[in-house]
Amino acid sequence: MQSVPYLNLGKETSLLKEELMKVVGEVLESGMYILGPQVSSFEREFAAYCGSEFSLGVDNGTTALLLTMRAWGLGENDEVITAPNSFIASASSVALAGARPVFADIGPDLNLDPEKVEAAITPRTRAIMPVHLTGRPAKMEALLDIARRHRLFVLEDAAQAVGAKIDGKKVGSFGDASSFSLHPMKNLHAFGDGGMITLNSRQLYETLIQARNHGLKNRNECDYWSYNCRLDELQAALLRVQLKHLDQQTEERRKLAFRYHKLLKPYGAVPEEGPQEFCVYQTYVIQVERRDELLKFLNDRGVEARIHYPIPIHLQPAARSLGYSAKDFPETMRAASRILSLPLYPSLAFEQQDWIAQLFKEFYGR
């Protein structure tokens, strides 16, 4: 029996340890720990990487979504359409901004179905928030067309999809603004929490720069109440190191994902890439029958598989006041009963993948 952890952050970090420790020392010696040159440099490099005009760092991905919606003036009586099968932060950020999360069902790619999005639009709708789930880009061309026709903002939740592309254009450069999480489980991660916003509007950028720092106009004047939600200088320095290696690590993830495709296709619906899509496989999600039994079977034999996410957002206790039921989004509910996330990271060995494939074969008996 082999042990296959869901993540192996210690091993991944060890491969870059010398570079990482070097920049740690440089930051400590600089005496600059908040909004210094490392943050500024990372923001420029991240914007260039995503193909956006601007980016700015904040304390986490949820804040990135919340600050952006507040900067647009979204609040009471406004609605934002998003996916019900995401992590809770997608919808919670809408609620925390004072607006109402409205859900639309998903398609076979586990991302928002544009037709269902358009059907959910009401006179109160102000924005669409597609989620590039698992590292697969959402159908942005169709969603942007809907947004243009209805004069809506588009806020990309790209928390799981840094580096993903459609026809060579990276996520984070399609919408009016985009949010990224730098949580340790993400492909590009901080050593703690962190988040990024990408955008092309200078006016919105200047608003957000102020909003992440108490609403301060300068050291002594505050224009409005806001949050302290800055990205730390030390985290920015560590992220700059990892950004240099991100494309190589993404290719390693993709190689392993394609190998999973071949090994596991007889047993379930493996993730696919559509025309012109470039997926980054932040999670490798297969859809299978008898999912819960298989999960236990794998866990009992040393494979740390997980489910992202077993309870859709519209059925969470926090969403009860929104009035949804289990019958509202059949594709979301069907997927929720079949999805299974398997270990996938650059240092995953072929032997570990082979062990997982052997267990699938034993479980399904073929």
Foldseek 3Di string as FASTA:
>chain_A
DDAAELDDLVVVCVVCVVVLVVLLVVVVVVPAKFPDPLQVVLFVVLCVQQVFPTKHKWFWQLVLLLLLCVLVVDAALAEEEEAQQAPLSVQVSCVVNHHHYDYFAPDPLRKHDLVRVLVRDDPRYAEYEIECPQQWDDPLVSNVVSCVVVVHFYEYADQAHRPKWFLNRHPQHRTQKYKYWQPPLHLQHFPHTMMMMGHHDPVSVVSSVCQCCQCAPDPPRHPDGHHPIHDISSRSSSSVSSVVCSVVFQVLLVVVLVVLCVLCVVFFAWNDHDPRIDGSRSWGKTFGPPVVVLCVLCVVVNWNKDASPLDTNCPDPVNVVVPDDPPPHVNSNNRSNTIITGRTGNPDDPVNSVVSSVSSCVVVVD
